[in-house]
Amino acid sequence: GRRVVGMDNKQPNPKKRAILTALWVVFNSILYLFFGWLHQGGLIASLLHLPLPVTPQEGSPETVIYYKTYMPPTFLIRGRLLENMTCNANDERRRVSGERSISLACDNPIIVDLQGREFDDLMEVLHERLPCHHRNEQSVLLITPAPVMISLSEKNWREYEFLSVHGHRPHVSTEDWPVFNGTFRSFIDQLELVTYHVSCTAQV
């Protein structure tokens, strides 16, 4: 037939098309593995693990603090028989602190979602939920990425002690990457969302 002016009648190169298709598959597979499995991967597992007795003699925690994580999807535990845990049925987020507008997502135990707030906000919630100036039997859990706890440990805590009681892997936070201290094993070990039991120090 006649050649149409301005039209390219060449067929795509099969080899080039195969390469582009392979690159597209590899690229999307990497994105799937990162955002579908690694990124914030321990968040749901940590939520479904509640309530978490710290010792066989203790009951469920009264307060669970999520710090430097995405919003915990509490709808996943609604309707489950988790002792006395109750979540707001309509997702209303009541304020638990008037000064900094910190909200909570569930009652009994209280789930406080601090998201990416500053260190002072975490201290405010701890002072409110676990005051150490008098004897306190409150059970408080802090759920945060392992690299975050490394940075918190550098702040010279005086009031509180943190005991790691459970971890969920893999978990990557793009806001708080693992700290590389020279060993690959240590870097991998930080790809974890850790549940800490918070208690007052003996000196207080």
C-alpha atoms as a PDB file:
ATOM      1  CA  GLY A   1       0.000   0.000   0.000  1.00  0.00           C
ATOM      2  CA  ARG A   2       0.932   3.612  -0.148  1.00  0.00           C
ATOM      3  CA  ARG A   3       3.068   5.164   2.586  1.00  0.00           C
ATOM      4  CA  VAL A   4       1.198   7.822   4.573  1.00  0.00           C
ATOM      5  CA  VAL A   5       3.249  10.984   4.984  1.00  0.00           C
ATOM      6  CA  GLY A   6       4.070  11.749   8.628  1.00  0.00           C
ATOM      7  CA  MET A   7       3.273   8.255   9.890  1.00  0.00           C
ATOM      8  CA  ASP A   8       5.931   5.854  11.186  1.00  0.00           C
ATOM      9  CA  ASN A   9       5.060   2.341  10.070  1.00  0.00           C
ATOM     10  CA  LYS A  10       7.971   0.712  11.895  1.00  0.00           C
ATOM     11  CA  GLN A  11       7.061  -2.075  14.307  1.00  0.00           C
ATOM     12  CA  PRO A  12       8.474  -1.858  17.873  1.00  0.00           C
ATOM     13  CA  ASN A  13      11.726  -3.717  18.369  1.00  0.00           C
ATOM     14  CA  PRO A  14      10.790  -6.985  20.150  1.00  0.00           C
ATOM     15  CA  LYS A  15      14.044  -6.999  22.125  1.00  0.00           C
ATOM     16  CA  LYS A  16      13.592  -3.416  23.253  1.00  0.00           C
ATOM     17  CA  ARG A  17       9.980  -4.082  24.201  1.00  0.00           C
ATOM     18  CA  ALA A  18      11.013  -7.122  26.263  1.00  0.00           C
ATOM     19  CA  ILE A  19      13.640  -5.084  28.114  1.00  0.00           C
ATOM     20  CA  LEU A  20      11.193  -2.302  28.914  1.00  0.00           C
ATOM     21  CA  THR A  21       8.613  -4.829  30.115  1.00  0.00           C
ATOM     22  CA  ALA A  22      11.179  -6.525  32.363  1.00  0.00           C
ATOM     23  CA  LEU A  23      12.251  -3.171  33.830  1.00  0.00           C
ATOM     24  CA  TRP A  24       8.605  -2.258  34.475  1.00  0.00           C
ATOM     25  CA  VAL A  25       8.008  -5.573  36.296  1.00  0.00           C
ATOM     26  CA  VAL A  26      11.179  -5.252  38.401  1.00  0.00           C
ATOM     27  CA  PHE A  27      10.445  -1.629  39.330  1.00  0.00           C
ATOM     28  CA  ASN A  28       6.883  -2.360  40.416  1.00  0.00           C
ATOM     29  CA  SER A  29       7.963  -5.492  42.285  1.00  0.00           C
ATOM     30  CA  ILE A  30      10.437  -3.422  44.298  1.00  0.00           C
ATOM     31  CA  LEU A  31       7.738  -0.880  45.116  1.00  0.00           C
ATOM     32  CA  TYR A  32       5.357  -3.678  46.094  1.00  0.00           C
ATOM     33  CA  LEU A  33       7.884  -5.283  48.443  1.00  0.00           C
ATOM     34  CA  PHE A  34       8.832  -1.980  50.052  1.00  0.00           C
ATOM     35  CA  PHE A  35       5.457  -0.289  50.479  1.00  0.00           C
ATOM     36  CA  GLY A  36       3.394  -3.467  50.780  1.00  0.00           C
ATOM     37  CA  TRP A  37       5.632  -5.405  53.155  1.00  0.00           C
ATOM     38  CA  LEU A  38       8.534  -3.427  54.640  1.00  0.00           C
ATOM     39  CA  HIS A  39       7.215   0.118  55.057  1.00  0.00           C
ATOM     40  CA  GLN A  40       5.396   0.374  58.418  1.00  0.00           C
ATOM     41  CA  GLY A  41       5.150  -3.415  58.221  1.00  0.00           C
ATOM     42  CA  GLY A  42       4.991  -4.032  61.967  1.00  0.00           C
ATOM     43  CA  LEU A  43       2.153  -1.612  62.681  1.00  0.00           C
ATOM     44  CA  ILE A  44      -0.803  -3.932  62.090  1.00  0.00           C
ATOM     45  CA  ALA A  45       0.949  -6.869  63.762  1.00  0.00           C
ATOM     46  CA  SER A  46       1.626  -4.822  66.896  1.00  0.00           C
ATOM     47  CA  LEU A  47      -2.004  -3.722  67.056  1.00  0.00           C
ATOM     48  CA  LEU A  48      -3.389  -7.227  66.632  1.00  0.00           C
ATOM     49  CA  HIS A  49      -1.031  -8.397  69.365  1.00  0.00           C
ATOM     50  CA  LEU A  50      -2.790  -6.226  71.961  1.00  0.00           C
ATOM     51  CA  PRO A  51      -3.511  -6.636  74.798  1.00  0.00           C
ATOM     52  CA  LEU A  52      -0.026  -7.744  75.762  1.00  0.00           C
ATOM     53  CA  PRO A  53       0.524  -8.781  79.394  1.00  0.00           C
ATOM     54  CA  VAL A  54       3.991  -7.735  80.485  1.00  0.00           C
ATOM     55  CA  THR A  55       4.207 -10.647  82.892  1.00  0.00           C
ATOM     56  CA  PRO A  56       1.855 -13.593  83.436  1.00  0.00           C
ATOM     57  CA  GLN A  57       0.741 -11.965  86.707  1.00  0.00           C
ATOM     58  CA  GLU A  58      -0.206  -8.642  85.100  1.00  0.00           C
ATOM     59  CA  GLY A  59      -3.275  -7.830  83.099  1.00  0.00           C
ATOM     60  CA  SER A  60      -3.532  -5.735  79.995  1.00  0.00           C
ATOM     61  CA  PRO A  61      -1.901  -2.296  79.835  1.00  0.00           C
ATOM     62  CA  GLU A  62      -4.011   0.746  80.687  1.00  0.00           C
ATOM     63  CA  THR A  63      -2.214   2.930  78.122  1.00  0.00           C
ATOM     64  CA  VAL A  64      -0.594   2.094  74.789  1.00  0.00           C
ATOM     65  CA  ILE A  65       1.417   4.880  73.131  1.00  0.00           C
ATOM     66  CA  TYR A  66       2.254   4.743  69.431  1.00  0.00           C
ATOM     67  CA  TYR A  67       5.187   7.053  68.721  1.00  0.00           C
ATOM     68  CA  LYS A  68       6.802   7.857  65.361  1.00  0.00           C
ATOM     69  CA  THR A  69       4.487   5.503  63.446  1.00  0.00           C
ATOM     70  CA  TYR A  70       1.562   5.866  61.107  1.00  0.00           C
ATOM     71  CA  MET A  71      -1.903   6.036  62.645  1.00  0.00           C
ATOM     72  CA  PRO A  72      -2.742   2.585  64.091  1.00  0.00           C
ATOM     73  CA  PRO A  73      -5.823   1.244  62.239  1.00  0.00           C
ATOM     74  CA  THR A  74      -7.886   0.480  65.342  1.00  0.00           C
ATOM     75  CA  PHE A  75     -10.885  -0.620  63.263  1.00  0.00           C
ATOM     76  CA  LEU A  76      -9.076  -3.936  62.813  1.00  0.00           C
ATOM     77  CA  ILE A  77      -9.563  -4.835  66.464  1.00  0.00           C
ATOM     78  CA  ARG A  78     -13.104  -3.583  66.772  1.00  0.00           C
ATOM     79  CA  GLY A  79     -15.430  -6.407  67.654  1.00  0.00           C
ATOM     80  CA  ARG A  80     -12.664  -8.698  68.878  1.00  0.00           C
ATOM     81  CA  LEU A  81     -12.803  -9.965  72.444  1.00  0.00           C
ATOM     82  CA  LEU A  82      -9.744  -8.130  73.757  1.00  0.00           C
ATOM     83  CA  GLU A  83     -10.654  -8.188  77.441  1.00  0.00           C
ATOM     84  CA  ASN A  84     -11.980  -4.670  78.112  1.00  0.00           C
ATOM     85  CA  MET A  85     -10.641  -2.872  75.038  1.00  0.00           C
ATOM     86  CA  THR A  86     -13.164  -0.531  73.437  1.00  0.00           C
ATOM     87  CA  CYS A  87     -12.569   1.745  70.464  1.00  0.00           C
ATOM     88  CA  ASN A  88     -14.634   4.669  69.336  1.00  0.00           C
ATOM     89  CA  ALA A  89     -17.148   3.191  66.895  1.00  0.00           C
ATOM     90  CA  ASN A  90     -17.270   6.313  64.728  1.00  0.00           C
ATOM     91  CA  ASP A  91     -13.527   7.007  64.677  1.00  0.00           C
ATOM     92  CA  GLU A  92     -13.883  10.156  66.734  1.00  0.00           C
ATOM     93  CA  ARG A  93     -10.491  11.118  68.144  1.00  0.00           C
ATOM     94  CA  ARG A  94     -10.932  12.789  71.532  1.00  0.00           C
ATOM     95  CA  ARG A  95      -8.266  15.051  72.934  1.00  0.00           C
ATOM     96  CA  VAL A  96      -6.229  13.599  75.777  1.00  0.00           C
ATOM     97  CA  SER A  97      -4.126  16.715  76.291  1.00  0.00           C
ATOM     98  CA  GLY A  98      -5.396  20.251  76.083  1.00  0.00           C
ATOM     99  CA  GLU A  99      -2.070  22.003  75.576  1.00  0.00           C
ATOM    100  CA  ARG A 100      -0.762  20.083  72.572  1.00  0.00           C
ATOM    101  CA  SER A 101      -4.018  18.673  71.158  1.00  0.00           C
ATOM    102  CA  ILE A 102      -2.891  15.066  71.502  1.00  0.00           C
ATOM    103  CA  SER A 103      -5.718  12.706  70.644  1.00  0.00           C
ATOM    104  CA  LEU A 104      -6.585   9.146  71.532  1.00  0.00           C
ATOM    105  CA  ALA A 105      -8.181   6.493  69.376  1.00  0.00           C
ATOM    106  CA  CYS A 106      -9.364   3.887  71.896  1.00  0.00           C
ATOM    107  CA  ASP A 107     -10.420   3.698  75.526  1.00  0.00           C
ATOM    108  CA  ASN A 108      -9.553   1.032  78.086  1.00  0.00           C
ATOM    109  CA  PRO A 109      -6.775   0.621  77.368  1.00  0.00           C
ATOM    110  CA  ILE A 110      -6.184   4.072  75.993  1.00  0.00           C
ATOM    111  CA  ILE A 111      -4.363   4.030  72.664  1.00  0.00           C
ATOM    112  CA  VAL A 112      -2.563   7.336  72.212  1.00  0.00           C
ATOM    113  CA  ASP A 113      -1.451   8.119  68.665  1.00  0.00           C
ATOM    114  CA  LEU A 114       1.486  10.538  68.806  1.00  0.00           C
ATOM    115  CA  GLN A 115       2.380  10.053  65.132  1.00  0.00           C
ATOM    116  CA  GLY A 116       5.592  12.012  64.430  1.00  0.00           C
ATOM    117  CA  ARG A 117       5.364  14.457  67.291  1.00  0.00           C
ATOM    118  CA  GLU A 118       8.354  15.817  69.173  1.00  0.00           C
ATOM    119  CA  PHE A 119      10.042  14.373  72.239  1.00  0.00           C
ATOM    120  CA  ASP A 120       8.313  16.900  74.520  1.00  0.00           C
ATOM    121  CA  ASP A 121       4.912  15.587  73.444  1.00  0.00           C
ATOM    122  CA  LEU A 122       5.929  12.062  74.411  1.00  0.00           C
ATOM    123  CA  MET A 123       7.115  13.295  77.803  1.00  0.00           C
ATOM    124  CA  GLU A 124       3.843  15.124  78.374  1.00  0.00           C
ATOM    125  CA  VAL A 125       1.797  11.977  77.772  1.00  0.00           C
ATOM    126  CA  LEU A 126       4.098   9.884  79.984  1.00  0.00           C
ATOM    127  CA  HIS A 127       3.859  12.436  82.802  1.00  0.00           C
ATOM    128  CA  GLU A 128       0.079  12.356  82.492  1.00  0.00           C
ATOM    129  CA  ARG A 129      -0.367   8.599  82.212  1.00  0.00           C
ATOM    130  CA  LEU A 130       2.532   7.481  84.421  1.00  0.00           C
ATOM    131  CA  PRO A 131       3.444  10.153  86.985  1.00  0.00           C
ATOM    132  CA  CYS A 132       6.452   9.060  89.000  1.00  0.00           C
ATOM    133  CA  HIS A 133       6.269  11.535  91.891  1.00  0.00           C
ATOM    134  CA  HIS A 134       4.100   9.060  93.801  1.00  0.00           C
ATOM    135  CA  ARG A 135       3.578   5.301  93.790  1.00  0.00           C
ATOM    136  CA  ASN A 136       1.921   4.320  90.552  1.00  0.00           C
ATOM    137  CA  GLU A 137       0.647   0.924  89.452  1.00  0.00           C
ATOM    138  CA  GLN A 138      -0.319   2.004  85.933  1.00  0.00           C
ATOM    139  CA  SER A 139       0.832  -0.254  83.103  1.00  0.00           C
ATOM    140  CA  VAL A 140       2.041   1.695  80.066  1.00  0.00           C
ATOM    141  CA  LEU A 141       3.369   0.382  76.759  1.00  0.00           C
ATOM    142  CA  LEU A 142       5.337   2.412  74.228  1.00  0.00           C
ATOM    143  CA  ILE A 143       5.348   1.135  70.632  1.00  0.00           C
ATOM    144  CA  THR A 144       7.985   2.759  68.453  1.00  0.00           C
ATOM    145  CA  PRO A 145      10.575   1.824  65.785  1.00  0.00           C
ATOM    146  CA  ALA A 146      13.895   0.530  67.107  1.00  0.00           C
ATOM    147  CA  PRO A 147      15.930   3.441  65.623  1.00  0.00           C
ATOM    148  CA  VAL A 148      13.714   5.905  67.484  1.00  0.00           C
ATOM    149  CA  MET A 149      14.506   4.267  70.817  1.00  0.00           C
ATOM    150  CA  ILE A 150      18.216   4.577  70.023  1.00  0.00           C
ATOM    151  CA  SER A 151      17.796   8.338  69.657  1.00  0.00           C
ATOM    152  CA  LEU A 152      15.615   8.502  72.776  1.00  0.00           C
ATOM    153  CA  SER A 153      18.245   6.671  74.803  1.00  0.00           C
ATOM    154  CA  GLU A 154      20.646   9.537  74.107  1.00  0.00           C
ATOM    155  CA  LYS A 155      18.398  12.007  75.943  1.00  0.00           C
ATOM    156  CA  ASN A 156      19.549  10.929  79.412  1.00  0.00           C
ATOM    157  CA  TRP A 157      16.272   9.607  80.799  1.00  0.00           C
ATOM    158  CA  ARG A 158      15.965  10.026  84.561  1.00  0.00           C
ATOM    159  CA  GLU A 159      12.336   9.208  85.316  1.00  0.00           C
ATOM    160  CA  TYR A 160      11.558   6.178  83.160  1.00  0.00           C
ATOM    161  CA  GLU A 161      12.939   2.790  82.231  1.00  0.00           C
ATOM    162  CA  PHE A 162      12.037   0.903  79.055  1.00  0.00           C
ATOM    163  CA  LEU A 163      11.943  -2.871  78.845  1.00  0.00           C
ATOM    164  CA  SER A 164      11.605  -4.456  75.412  1.00  0.00           C
ATOM    165  CA  VAL A 165       8.842  -7.063  75.606  1.00  0.00           C
ATOM    166  CA  HIS A 166       8.018  -7.755  71.974  1.00  0.00           C
ATOM    167  CA  GLY A 167       9.091  -6.876  68.434  1.00  0.00           C
ATOM    168  CA  HIS A 168       7.447  -7.055  65.016  1.00  0.00           C
ATOM    169  CA  ARG A 169       9.474  -7.455  61.825  1.00  0.00           C
ATOM    170  CA  PRO A 170      10.024  -6.273  59.246  1.00  0.00           C
ATOM    171  CA  HIS A 171       9.323  -2.605  59.864  1.00  0.00           C
ATOM    172  CA  VAL A 172      10.828   0.323  57.986  1.00  0.00           C
ATOM    173  CA  SER A 173      10.079   3.954  58.726  1.00  0.00           C
ATOM    174  CA  THR A 174      11.239   6.373  56.057  1.00  0.00           C
ATOM    175  CA  GLU A 175      11.190   9.135  58.665  1.00  0.00           C
ATOM    176  CA  ASP A 176      13.499   7.227  61.026  1.00  0.00           C
ATOM    177  CA  TRP A 177      15.948   5.034  59.137  1.00  0.00           C
ATOM    178  CA  PRO A 178      18.108   2.504  60.988  1.00  0.00           C
ATOM    179  CA  VAL A 179      21.433   3.794  62.262  1.00  0.00           C
ATOM    180  CA  PHE A 180      24.443   2.186  60.575  1.00  0.00           C
ATOM    181  CA  ASN A 181      27.190   1.680  63.146  1.00  0.00           C
ATOM    182  CA  GLY A 182      29.531  -0.366  61.017  1.00  0.00           C
ATOM    183  CA  THR A 183      27.845  -3.772  61.027  1.00  0.00           C
ATOM    184  CA  PHE A 184      25.186  -4.985  58.621  1.00  0.00           C
ATOM    185  CA  ARG A 185      23.647  -7.249  61.285  1.00  0.00           C
ATOM    186  CA  SER A 186      23.015  -4.303  63.606  1.00  0.00           C
ATOM    187  CA  PHE A 187      21.381  -2.408  60.731  1.00  0.00           C
ATOM    188  CA  ILE A 188      19.040  -5.323  59.985  1.00  0.00           C
ATOM    189  CA  ASP A 189      18.187  -5.760  63.671  1.00  0.00           C
ATOM    190  CA  GLN A 190      16.793  -2.223  63.722  1.00  0.00           C
ATOM    191  CA  LEU A 191      14.171  -3.028  61.062  1.00  0.00           C
ATOM    192  CA  GLU A 192      11.680  -3.666  63.826  1.00  0.00           C
ATOM    193  CA  LEU A 193       8.721  -2.077  65.574  1.00  0.00           C
ATOM    194  CA  VAL A 194       9.292  -2.686  69.272  1.00  0.00           C
ATOM    195  CA  THR A 195       6.868  -2.747  72.193  1.00  0.00           C
ATOM    196  CA  TYR A 196       8.410  -1.401  75.402  1.00  0.00           C
ATOM    197  CA  HIS A 197       7.060  -1.617  78.918  1.00  0.00           C
ATOM    198  CA  VAL A 198       7.504   1.775  80.582  1.00  0.00           C
ATOM    199  CA  SER A 199       8.134   2.014  84.320  1.00  0.00           C
ATOM    200  CA  CYS A 200       9.418   4.572  86.772  1.00  0.00           C
ATOM    201  CA  THR A 201      13.056   4.322  87.759  1.00  0.00           C
ATOM    202  CA  ALA A 202      13.968   3.167  91.246  1.00  0.00           C
ATOM    203  CA  GLN A 203      15.530   6.552  92.036  1.00  0.00           C
ATOM    204  CA  VAL A 204      12.242   8.413  91.657  1.00  0.00           C
END
